[in-house]
Amino acid sequence: MSPSLMLSVPVMPVMPVMPVMPVMPVMPVMPVMAATSMSLLQNSLIVGAILFALGLVGILTRRNLIVMFLSAELMLQGISVSLVAWSRHHGDWGGQVLVIFVLTVAACEAAVALVFVLQAFARTGRLDAAAWQSLRESNIPRSVDRELPASDAAAQIWPRLTPAGILPEPDADEALEREHV
């Protein structure tokens, strides 16, 4: 036998071998995501309801104007949390955009309410909700509140316009004021 015949090996056609992947059960992604989304929605709605309820209790039980104002803002924040939660749950930006507008209006409302509170404090010297009684018009009857504190004893001083052609009386405090600070 010749040496070339001894070393020859029969050649078999080579087939590409596909790697065998272990078969793992495929878990559905949506139910897990839906459960997470639903629990996030529920938690956000609970937080929003708690904020709203705390604000409502603050409005109904407090007489201090600043605390009542802060309670109203707390109620507004509870509603905002709920709007954002529903917006995220539905995959829509509408609720979040509405919350931005609500916060903008709330900032303006805060400025106006602060002016009212400061004016009521300047006129009455206290921050009780009964201070608004003195700001009503004279033809509107006073509302009855059984737990109303003592009414203001000091007479109100209203500004007067001077009649035409007469010099106004000199102000005693004007001499004490500086022209430039």
N, C-alpha and C. Protein backbone atom coordinates (compact mmCIF):
# COMPACT_ATOMS: atom_id res chain seq x y z
N MET A 1 0.82 -1.17 0.00
CA MET A 1 0.00 0.00 0.00
C MET A 1 0.86 1.23 0.00
N SER A 2 0.37 2.17 -0.68
CA SER A 2 1.17 3.38 -0.75
C SER A 2 0.86 4.25 0.47
N PRO A 3 1.83 5.06 0.86
CA PRO A 3 1.63 5.90 2.05
C PRO A 3 0.53 6.94 1.85
N SER A 4 0.26 7.36 0.68
CA SER A 4 -0.80 8.35 0.49
C SER A 4 -2.17 7.75 0.71
N LEU A 5 -2.31 6.47 0.47
CA LEU A 5 -3.60 5.84 0.69
C LEU A 5 -3.85 5.56 2.16
N MET A 6 -2.82 5.39 2.90
CA MET A 6 -3.00 5.09 4.31
C MET A 6 -3.44 6.33 5.10
N LEU A 7 -3.03 7.45 4.68
CA LEU A 7 -3.35 8.66 5.44
C LEU A 7 -4.65 9.31 4.99
N SER A 8 -5.22 8.84 4.00
CA SER A 8 -6.43 9.47 3.53
C SER A 8 -7.60 9.11 4.44
N VAL A 9 -8.34 10.09 4.72
CA VAL A 9 -9.51 9.94 5.59
C VAL A 9 -10.72 10.29 4.75
N PRO A 10 -11.75 9.55 4.88
CA PRO A 10 -12.92 9.91 4.09
C PRO A 10 -13.45 11.29 4.50
N VAL A 11 -13.72 12.13 3.56
CA VAL A 11 -14.18 13.49 3.81
C VAL A 11 -15.70 13.51 3.79
N MET A 12 -16.24 14.01 4.86
CA MET A 12 -17.69 14.12 4.99
C MET A 12 -18.06 15.59 4.78
N PRO A 13 -19.17 15.85 4.18
CA PRO A 13 -19.56 17.26 4.03
C PRO A 13 -19.84 17.87 5.42
N VAL A 14 -19.38 19.10 5.63
CA VAL A 14 -19.52 19.79 6.91
C VAL A 14 -20.83 20.59 6.90
N MET A 15 -21.65 20.35 7.90
CA MET A 15 -22.92 21.08 8.05
C MET A 15 -22.72 22.16 9.12
N PRO A 16 -23.25 23.34 8.90
CA PRO A 16 -23.11 24.37 9.95
C PRO A 16 -23.89 23.93 11.20
N VAL A 17 -23.26 24.11 12.32
CA VAL A 17 -23.87 23.70 13.58
C VAL A 17 -24.50 24.93 14.24
N MET A 18 -25.76 24.81 14.54
CA MET A 18 -26.46 25.90 15.22
C MET A 18 -26.30 25.69 16.72
N PRO A 19 -25.96 26.76 17.45
CA PRO A 19 -25.84 26.57 18.90
C PRO A 19 -27.22 26.30 19.49
N VAL A 20 -27.25 25.43 20.42
CA VAL A 20 -28.51 25.06 21.06
C VAL A 20 -28.67 25.92 22.31
N MET A 21 -29.70 26.73 22.32
CA MET A 21 -29.98 27.59 23.47
C MET A 21 -30.90 26.84 24.41
N PRO A 22 -30.66 27.00 25.68
CA PRO A 22 -31.58 26.34 26.61
C PRO A 22 -32.96 26.98 26.50
N VAL A 23 -33.96 26.19 26.52
CA VAL A 23 -35.33 26.69 26.39
C VAL A 23 -35.80 27.16 27.76
N MET A 24 -36.08 28.47 27.83
CA MET A 24 -36.57 29.05 29.09
C MET A 24 -37.98 29.55 28.84
N PRO A 25 -38.81 29.42 29.83
CA PRO A 25 -40.16 29.92 29.62
C PRO A 25 -40.14 31.44 29.48
N VAL A 26 -40.87 31.95 28.51
CA VAL A 26 -40.94 33.39 28.28
C VAL A 26 -42.02 33.96 29.19
N MET A 27 -41.60 34.92 30.04
CA MET A 27 -42.54 35.56 30.96
C MET A 27 -43.18 36.73 30.24
N PRO A 28 -44.47 36.86 30.32
CA PRO A 28 -45.11 38.02 29.69
C PRO A 28 -44.71 39.30 30.43
N VAL A 29 -44.32 40.31 29.66
CA VAL A 29 -43.83 41.55 30.24
C VAL A 29 -44.99 42.44 30.66
N MET A 30 -46.04 42.47 29.92
CA MET A 30 -47.14 43.40 30.17
C MET A 30 -47.81 43.22 31.53
N PRO A 31 -48.13 42.01 31.99
CA PRO A 31 -48.80 41.92 33.29
C PRO A 31 -47.94 42.45 34.42
N VAL A 32 -46.63 42.25 34.37
CA VAL A 32 -45.76 42.77 35.43
C VAL A 32 -45.74 44.28 35.36
N MET A 33 -45.62 44.82 34.15
CA MET A 33 -45.60 46.26 34.00
C MET A 33 -46.95 46.86 34.37
N ALA A 34 -48.02 46.19 34.00
CA ALA A 34 -49.34 46.69 34.33
C ALA A 34 -49.56 46.68 35.84
N ALA A 35 -49.07 45.64 36.51
CA ALA A 35 -49.22 45.59 37.97
C ALA A 35 -48.42 46.70 38.62
N THR A 36 -47.22 46.97 38.12
CA THR A 36 -46.41 48.05 38.66
C THR A 36 -47.08 49.39 38.41
N SER A 37 -47.60 49.58 37.21
CA SER A 37 -48.27 50.83 36.88
C SER A 37 -49.54 51.02 37.73
N MET A 38 -50.25 49.94 37.94
CA MET A 38 -51.48 50.03 38.73
C MET A 38 -51.17 50.34 40.20
N SER A 39 -50.12 49.72 40.74
CA SER A 39 -49.78 50.00 42.14
C SER A 39 -49.26 51.43 42.28
N LEU A 40 -48.50 51.92 41.27
CA LEU A 40 -48.04 53.31 41.30
C LEU A 40 -49.22 54.26 41.24
N LEU A 41 -50.20 53.94 40.41
CA LEU A 41 -51.40 54.77 40.32
C LEU A 41 -52.15 54.79 41.65
N GLN A 42 -52.32 53.63 42.25
CA GLN A 42 -53.04 53.56 43.52
C GLN A 42 -52.31 54.33 44.61
N ASN A 43 -51.00 54.17 44.69
CA ASN A 43 -50.24 54.89 45.71
C ASN A 43 -50.30 56.39 45.50
N SER A 44 -50.21 56.83 44.25
CA SER A 44 -50.28 58.27 43.97
C SER A 44 -51.66 58.83 44.30
N LEU A 45 -52.71 58.08 43.97
CA LEU A 45 -54.06 58.55 44.29
C LEU A 45 -54.29 58.59 45.80
N ILE A 46 -53.71 57.66 46.53
CA ILE A 46 -53.85 57.68 47.99
C ILE A 46 -53.14 58.89 48.56
N VAL A 47 -51.92 59.18 48.07
CA VAL A 47 -51.19 60.37 48.54
C VAL A 47 -51.97 61.64 48.20
N GLY A 48 -52.51 61.72 47.00
CA GLY A 48 -53.30 62.89 46.61
C GLY A 48 -54.54 63.05 47.47
N ALA A 49 -55.22 61.93 47.79
CA ALA A 49 -56.41 62.00 48.64
C ALA A 49 -56.05 62.42 50.06
N ILE A 50 -54.92 61.95 50.57
CA ILE A 50 -54.49 62.34 51.92
C ILE A 50 -54.17 63.83 51.96
N LEU A 51 -53.46 64.33 50.95
CA LEU A 51 -53.16 65.77 50.90
C LEU A 51 -54.44 66.59 50.82
N PHE A 52 -55.38 66.16 50.00
CA PHE A 52 -56.64 66.90 49.87
C PHE A 52 -57.41 66.87 51.19
N ALA A 53 -57.45 65.71 51.86
CA ALA A 53 -58.20 65.60 53.12
C ALA A 53 -57.55 66.46 54.21
N LEU A 54 -56.22 66.47 54.27
CA LEU A 54 -55.55 67.32 55.27
C LEU A 54 -55.84 68.80 55.02
N GLY A 55 -55.83 69.19 53.77
CA GLY A 55 -56.16 70.58 53.44
C GLY A 55 -57.59 70.93 53.80
N LEU A 56 -58.51 70.00 53.55
CA LEU A 56 -59.92 70.24 53.87
C LEU A 56 -60.11 70.36 55.38
N VAL A 57 -59.45 69.51 56.14
CA VAL A 57 -59.54 69.59 57.61
C VAL A 57 -58.97 70.93 58.08
N GLY A 58 -57.86 71.36 57.48
CA GLY A 58 -57.26 72.64 57.86
C GLY A 58 -58.18 73.82 57.56
N ILE A 59 -58.88 73.77 56.43
CA ILE A 59 -59.82 74.85 56.08
C ILE A 59 -60.98 74.90 57.08
N LEU A 60 -61.50 73.74 57.42
CA LEU A 60 -62.70 73.68 58.25
C LEU A 60 -62.44 73.92 59.73
N THR A 61 -61.23 73.63 60.21
CA THR A 61 -60.99 73.72 61.65
C THR A 61 -60.18 74.93 62.08
N ARG A 62 -59.48 75.57 61.21
CA ARG A 62 -58.62 76.70 61.60
C ARG A 62 -59.28 78.03 61.30
N ARG A 63 -58.92 79.02 62.11
CA ARG A 63 -59.45 80.37 61.90
C ARG A 63 -58.36 81.32 61.44
N ASN A 64 -57.11 80.93 61.56
CA ASN A 64 -56.01 81.79 61.15
C ASN A 64 -56.00 81.86 59.62
N LEU A 65 -55.97 83.07 59.07
CA LEU A 65 -56.06 83.24 57.63
C LEU A 65 -54.89 82.61 56.88
N ILE A 66 -53.69 82.70 57.45
CA ILE A 66 -52.53 82.13 56.76
C ILE A 66 -52.62 80.61 56.74
N VAL A 67 -53.05 80.01 57.85
CA VAL A 67 -53.20 78.55 57.89
C VAL A 67 -54.31 78.11 56.94
N MET A 68 -55.38 78.87 56.86
CA MET A 68 -56.45 78.54 55.92
C MET A 68 -55.96 78.63 54.48
N PHE A 69 -55.15 79.63 54.19
CA PHE A 69 -54.60 79.78 52.86
C PHE A 69 -53.67 78.61 52.53
N LEU A 70 -52.82 78.23 53.46
CA LEU A 70 -51.91 77.10 53.23
C LEU A 70 -52.69 75.79 53.08
N SER A 71 -53.80 75.66 53.78
CA SER A 71 -54.63 74.46 53.64
C SER A 71 -55.25 74.40 52.25
N ALA A 72 -55.66 75.54 51.74
CA ALA A 72 -56.20 75.56 50.37
C ALA A 72 -55.13 75.17 49.35
N GLU A 73 -53.90 75.63 49.57
CA GLU A 73 -52.81 75.24 48.68
C GLU A 73 -52.52 73.74 48.79
N LEU A 74 -52.65 73.19 49.99
CA LEU A 74 -52.44 71.75 50.19
C LEU A 74 -53.50 70.95 49.42
N MET A 75 -54.73 71.42 49.44
CA MET A 75 -55.78 70.76 48.66
C MET A 75 -55.45 70.81 47.17
N LEU A 76 -54.95 71.93 46.71
CA LEU A 76 -54.59 72.08 45.31
C LEU A 76 -53.46 71.13 44.93
N GLN A 77 -52.49 70.94 45.82
CA GLN A 77 -51.39 70.02 45.54
C GLN A 77 -51.87 68.57 45.51
N GLY A 78 -52.84 68.23 46.35
CA GLY A 78 -53.41 66.89 46.31
C GLY A 78 -54.07 66.60 44.97
N ILE A 79 -54.78 67.58 44.45
CA ILE A 79 -55.41 67.42 43.14
C ILE A 79 -54.35 67.31 42.05
N SER A 80 -53.27 68.07 42.17
CA SER A 80 -52.20 68.02 41.18
C SER A 80 -51.52 66.65 41.15
N VAL A 81 -51.29 66.07 42.33
CA VAL A 81 -50.68 64.73 42.38
C VAL A 81 -51.60 63.72 41.69
N SER A 82 -52.89 63.82 41.92
CA SER A 82 -53.83 62.90 41.28
C SER A 82 -53.86 63.09 39.76
N LEU A 83 -53.81 64.32 39.30
CA LEU A 83 -53.79 64.58 37.85
C LEU A 83 -52.55 64.00 37.19
N VAL A 84 -51.39 64.16 37.83
CA VAL A 84 -50.16 63.62 37.27
C VAL A 84 -50.21 62.09 37.27
N ALA A 85 -50.77 61.49 38.32
CA ALA A 85 -50.86 60.03 38.38
C ALA A 85 -51.75 59.49 37.26
N TRP A 86 -52.90 60.10 37.05
CA TRP A 86 -53.78 59.63 35.98
C TRP A 86 -53.14 59.87 34.61
N SER A 87 -52.45 60.98 34.46
CA SER A 87 -51.80 61.27 33.20
C SER A 87 -50.72 60.23 32.89
N ARG A 88 -49.94 59.85 33.89
CA ARG A 88 -48.90 58.84 33.68
C ARG A 88 -49.53 57.48 33.40
N HIS A 89 -50.60 57.17 34.08
CA HIS A 89 -51.25 55.88 33.90
C HIS A 89 -51.78 55.71 32.47
N HIS A 90 -52.33 56.77 31.92
CA HIS A 90 -52.90 56.70 30.57
C HIS A 90 -51.88 57.00 29.48
N GLY A 91 -50.65 57.36 29.87
CA GLY A 91 -49.62 57.65 28.87
C GLY A 91 -49.88 58.92 28.10
N ASP A 92 -50.52 59.87 28.74
CA ASP A 92 -50.90 61.12 28.09
C ASP A 92 -50.25 62.27 28.85
N TRP A 93 -49.86 63.31 28.15
CA TRP A 93 -49.23 64.45 28.79
C TRP A 93 -50.24 65.52 29.23
N GLY A 94 -51.50 65.32 28.92
CA GLY A 94 -52.50 66.34 29.19
C GLY A 94 -52.61 66.71 30.66
N GLY A 95 -52.61 65.73 31.54
CA GLY A 95 -52.72 66.00 32.98
C GLY A 95 -51.52 66.75 33.51
N GLN A 96 -50.34 66.41 33.01
CA GLN A 96 -49.13 67.08 33.49
C GLN A 96 -49.07 68.52 33.00
N VAL A 97 -49.52 68.76 31.79
CA VAL A 97 -49.57 70.14 31.28
C VAL A 97 -50.59 70.95 32.07
N LEU A 98 -51.72 70.33 32.39
CA LEU A 98 -52.74 71.02 33.19
C LEU A 98 -52.20 71.37 34.57
N VAL A 99 -51.39 70.49 35.16
CA VAL A 99 -50.81 70.76 36.47
C VAL A 99 -49.87 71.96 36.40
N ILE A 100 -49.13 72.11 35.31
CA ILE A 100 -48.25 73.27 35.17
C ILE A 100 -49.09 74.56 35.16
N PHE A 101 -50.21 74.55 34.43
CA PHE A 101 -51.07 75.73 34.42
C PHE A 101 -51.70 75.97 35.80
N VAL A 102 -52.09 74.90 36.48
CA VAL A 102 -52.68 75.04 37.81
C VAL A 102 -51.67 75.64 38.77
N LEU A 103 -50.42 75.20 38.71
CA LEU A 103 -49.39 75.76 39.59
C LEU A 103 -49.12 77.22 39.28
N THR A 104 -49.20 77.59 38.01
CA THR A 104 -49.01 79.00 37.64
C THR A 104 -50.13 79.86 38.20
N VAL A 105 -51.36 79.40 38.06
CA VAL A 105 -52.50 80.14 38.60
C VAL A 105 -52.41 80.19 40.13
N ALA A 106 -51.96 79.10 40.75
CA ALA A 106 -51.83 79.06 42.21
C ALA A 106 -50.79 80.07 42.70
N ALA A 107 -49.73 80.27 41.94
CA ALA A 107 -48.73 81.27 42.33
C ALA A 107 -49.33 82.68 42.29
N CYS A 108 -50.11 82.96 41.25
CA CYS A 108 -50.78 84.27 41.18
C CYS A 108 -51.79 84.42 42.30
N GLU A 109 -52.53 83.36 42.56
CA GLU A 109 -53.52 83.39 43.64
C GLU A 109 -52.85 83.59 44.98
N ALA A 110 -51.67 83.03 45.16
CA ALA A 110 -50.93 83.19 46.42
C ALA A 110 -50.55 84.66 46.64
N ALA A 111 -50.14 85.31 45.58
CA ALA A 111 -49.76 86.73 45.70
C ALA A 111 -50.97 87.59 46.05
N VAL A 112 -52.09 87.35 45.40
CA VAL A 112 -53.31 88.14 45.68
C VAL A 112 -53.82 87.85 47.08
N ALA A 113 -53.83 86.58 47.49
CA ALA A 113 -54.32 86.23 48.82
C ALA A 113 -53.42 86.82 49.90
N LEU A 114 -52.12 86.85 49.65
CA LEU A 114 -51.22 87.44 50.63
C LEU A 114 -51.50 88.93 50.82
N VAL A 115 -51.83 89.62 49.74
CA VAL A 115 -52.19 91.04 49.86
C VAL A 115 -53.45 91.19 50.71
N PHE A 116 -54.45 90.34 50.47
CA PHE A 116 -55.68 90.41 51.27
C PHE A 116 -55.40 90.14 52.74
N VAL A 117 -54.58 89.14 53.02
CA VAL A 117 -54.27 88.80 54.41
C VAL A 117 -53.52 89.95 55.08
N LEU A 118 -52.57 90.55 54.38
CA LEU A 118 -51.83 91.67 54.97
C LEU A 118 -52.73 92.88 55.19
N GLN A 119 -53.65 93.13 54.28
CA GLN A 119 -54.58 94.24 54.47
C GLN A 119 -55.51 94.00 55.65
N ALA A 120 -55.98 92.77 55.79
CA ALA A 120 -56.84 92.45 56.94
C ALA A 120 -56.06 92.59 58.23
N PHE A 121 -54.79 92.19 58.23
CA PHE A 121 -53.98 92.32 59.44
C PHE A 121 -53.70 93.79 59.74
N ALA A 122 -53.47 94.59 58.70
CA ALA A 122 -53.19 96.01 58.92
C ALA A 122 -54.41 96.73 59.49
N ARG A 123 -55.61 96.32 59.08
CA ARG A 123 -56.82 96.99 59.57
C ARG A 123 -57.23 96.54 60.96
N THR A 124 -57.06 95.24 61.24
CA THR A 124 -57.58 94.72 62.51
C THR A 124 -56.50 94.36 63.51
N GLY A 125 -55.29 94.11 63.08
CA GLY A 125 -54.22 93.75 64.00
C GLY A 125 -54.22 92.28 64.38
N ARG A 126 -55.02 91.47 63.73
CA ARG A 126 -55.03 90.03 64.02
C ARG A 126 -55.28 89.27 62.73
N LEU A 127 -54.97 87.97 62.76
CA LEU A 127 -55.12 87.14 61.57
C LEU A 127 -56.29 86.18 61.70
N ASP A 128 -57.27 86.54 62.48
CA ASP A 128 -58.44 85.70 62.66
C ASP A 128 -59.37 85.88 61.46
N ALA A 129 -60.07 84.81 61.10
CA ALA A 129 -60.98 84.88 59.95
C ALA A 129 -62.12 85.86 60.21
N ALA A 130 -62.42 86.14 61.47
CA ALA A 130 -63.47 87.12 61.79
C ALA A 130 -63.05 88.54 61.40
N ALA A 131 -61.77 88.74 61.10
CA ALA A 131 -61.31 90.06 60.68
C ALA A 131 -61.95 90.48 59.36
N TRP A 132 -62.40 89.52 58.58
CA TRP A 132 -63.05 89.84 57.31
C TRP A 132 -64.41 90.48 57.53
N GLN A 133 -64.98 90.36 58.73
CA GLN A 133 -66.27 90.97 59.00
C GLN A 133 -66.20 92.49 58.87
N SER A 134 -65.07 93.06 59.28
CA SER A 134 -64.95 94.52 59.22
C SER A 134 -64.71 95.01 57.78
N LEU A 135 -64.42 94.13 56.84
CA LEU A 135 -64.17 94.53 55.47
C LEU A 135 -65.41 94.48 54.59
N ARG A 136 -66.53 94.06 55.16
CA ARG A 136 -67.75 93.94 54.36
C ARG A 136 -68.34 95.32 54.10
N GLU A 137 -69.26 95.39 53.15
CA GLU A 137 -69.94 96.65 52.87
C GLU A 137 -70.97 96.91 53.96
N SER A 138 -71.34 98.16 54.13
CA SER A 138 -72.22 98.52 55.25
C SER A 138 -73.65 98.02 55.04
N ASN A 139 -74.09 97.80 53.81
CA ASN A 139 -75.46 97.35 53.59
C ASN A 139 -75.62 95.84 53.67
N ILE A 140 -74.51 95.09 53.83
CA ILE A 140 -74.57 93.64 53.95
C ILE A 140 -74.59 93.28 55.43
N PRO A 141 -75.55 92.44 55.85
CA PRO A 141 -75.60 92.10 57.28
C PRO A 141 -74.41 91.24 57.69
N ARG A 142 -74.05 91.37 58.96
CA ARG A 142 -72.95 90.62 59.53
C ARG A 142 -73.35 89.16 59.65
N SER A 143 -72.48 88.25 59.26
CA SER A 143 -72.79 86.83 59.41
C SER A 143 -72.63 86.43 60.87
N VAL A 144 -73.47 85.51 61.31
CA VAL A 144 -73.48 85.11 62.72
C VAL A 144 -72.54 83.93 62.90
N ASP A 145 -71.60 84.08 63.83
CA ASP A 145 -70.68 83.01 64.20
C ASP A 145 -70.71 82.92 65.71
N ARG A 146 -71.11 81.80 66.23
CA ARG A 146 -71.29 81.65 67.68
C ARG A 146 -70.00 81.77 68.46
N GLU A 147 -68.86 81.40 67.84
CA GLU A 147 -67.59 81.45 68.54
C GLU A 147 -66.77 82.66 68.12
N LEU A 148 -67.43 83.73 67.76
CA LEU A 148 -66.76 84.92 67.28
C LEU A 148 -66.04 85.62 68.43
N PRO A 149 -64.77 85.96 68.27
CA PRO A 149 -64.08 86.70 69.33
C PRO A 149 -64.65 88.11 69.45
N ALA A 150 -64.22 88.81 70.46
CA ALA A 150 -64.72 90.16 70.70
C ALA A 150 -64.47 91.03 69.48
N SER A 151 -65.45 91.88 69.16
CA SER A 151 -65.32 92.73 67.98
C SER A 151 -64.34 93.86 68.26
N ASP A 152 -63.91 94.49 67.18
CA ASP A 152 -62.94 95.58 67.31
C ASP A 152 -63.58 96.76 68.04
N ALA A 153 -62.90 97.26 69.07
CA ALA A 153 -63.41 98.39 69.84
C ALA A 153 -62.92 99.71 69.26
N ALA A 154 -61.81 99.68 68.55
CA ALA A 154 -61.25 100.92 68.01
C ALA A 154 -62.09 101.40 66.83
N ALA A 155 -62.33 102.67 66.80
CA ALA A 155 -63.07 103.26 65.68
C ALA A 155 -62.17 103.29 64.45
N GLN A 156 -62.75 103.00 63.31
CA GLN A 156 -61.96 102.99 62.09
C GLN A 156 -61.75 104.41 61.60
N ILE A 157 -60.55 104.67 61.12
CA ILE A 157 -60.21 105.99 60.58
C ILE A 157 -60.17 105.85 59.06
N TRP A 158 -61.07 106.55 58.41
CA TRP A 158 -61.15 106.48 56.96
C TRP A 158 -60.49 107.73 56.37
N PRO A 159 -59.85 107.60 55.24
CA PRO A 159 -59.21 108.78 54.63
C PRO A 159 -60.27 109.78 54.17
N ARG A 160 -59.92 111.07 54.23
CA ARG A 160 -60.84 112.12 53.81
C ARG A 160 -60.22 112.91 52.67
N LEU A 161 -61.05 113.33 51.77
CA LEU A 161 -60.60 114.23 50.71
C LEU A 161 -60.83 115.66 51.16
N THR A 162 -59.86 116.52 50.88
CA THR A 162 -60.02 117.92 51.28
C THR A 162 -60.91 118.63 50.28
N PRO A 163 -61.77 119.50 50.74
CA PRO A 163 -62.59 120.28 49.81
C PRO A 163 -61.71 121.18 48.95
N ALA A 164 -62.18 121.49 47.77
CA ALA A 164 -61.40 122.31 46.84
C ALA A 164 -61.18 123.70 47.41
N GLY A 165 -59.95 124.21 47.28
CA GLY A 165 -59.61 125.55 47.71
C GLY A 165 -59.19 125.66 49.16
N ILE A 166 -59.23 124.59 49.92
CA ILE A 166 -58.82 124.65 51.33
C ILE A 166 -57.55 123.81 51.48
N LEU A 167 -56.57 124.36 52.17
CA LEU A 167 -55.33 123.63 52.41
C LEU A 167 -55.59 122.52 53.43
N PRO A 168 -55.01 121.36 53.24
CA PRO A 168 -55.20 120.28 54.21
C PRO A 168 -54.45 120.58 55.52
N GLU A 169 -54.91 119.94 56.58
CA GLU A 169 -54.25 120.10 57.87
C GLU A 169 -52.87 119.44 57.80
N PRO A 170 -51.86 120.06 58.41
CA PRO A 170 -50.53 119.45 58.37
C PRO A 170 -50.52 118.15 59.18
N ASP A 171 -49.80 117.17 58.68
CA ASP A 171 -49.70 115.88 59.35
C ASP A 171 -48.60 115.96 60.41
N ALA A 172 -48.87 115.52 61.62
CA ALA A 172 -47.89 115.58 62.71
C ALA A 172 -46.75 114.60 62.48
N ASP A 173 -47.01 113.50 61.82
CA ASP A 173 -45.98 112.50 61.58
C ASP A 173 -45.07 112.87 60.41
N GLU A 174 -45.50 113.83 59.58
CA GLU A 174 -44.73 114.17 58.39
C GLU A 174 -43.40 114.79 58.77
N ALA A 175 -43.32 115.52 59.86
CA ALA A 175 -42.06 116.13 60.29
C ALA A 175 -41.05 115.05 60.71
N LEU A 176 -41.52 113.92 61.17
CA LEU A 176 -40.63 112.85 61.62
C LEU A 176 -40.11 111.97 60.48
N GLU A 177 -40.76 112.04 59.32
CA GLU A 177 -40.37 111.19 58.21
C GLU A 177 -39.18 111.79 57.46
N ARG A 178 -38.34 110.94 56.92
CA ARG A 178 -37.21 111.37 56.10
C ARG A 178 -37.61 111.38 54.63
N GLU A 179 -37.02 112.28 53.87
CA GLU A 179 -37.30 112.32 52.46
C GLU A 179 -36.57 111.20 51.74
N HIS A 180 -35.33 110.92 52.14
CA HIS A 180 -34.54 109.85 51.53
C HIS A 180 -34.11 108.88 52.62
N VAL A 181 -34.15 107.63 52.27
CA VAL A 181 -33.72 106.61 53.24
C VAL A 181 -32.29 106.25 52.97
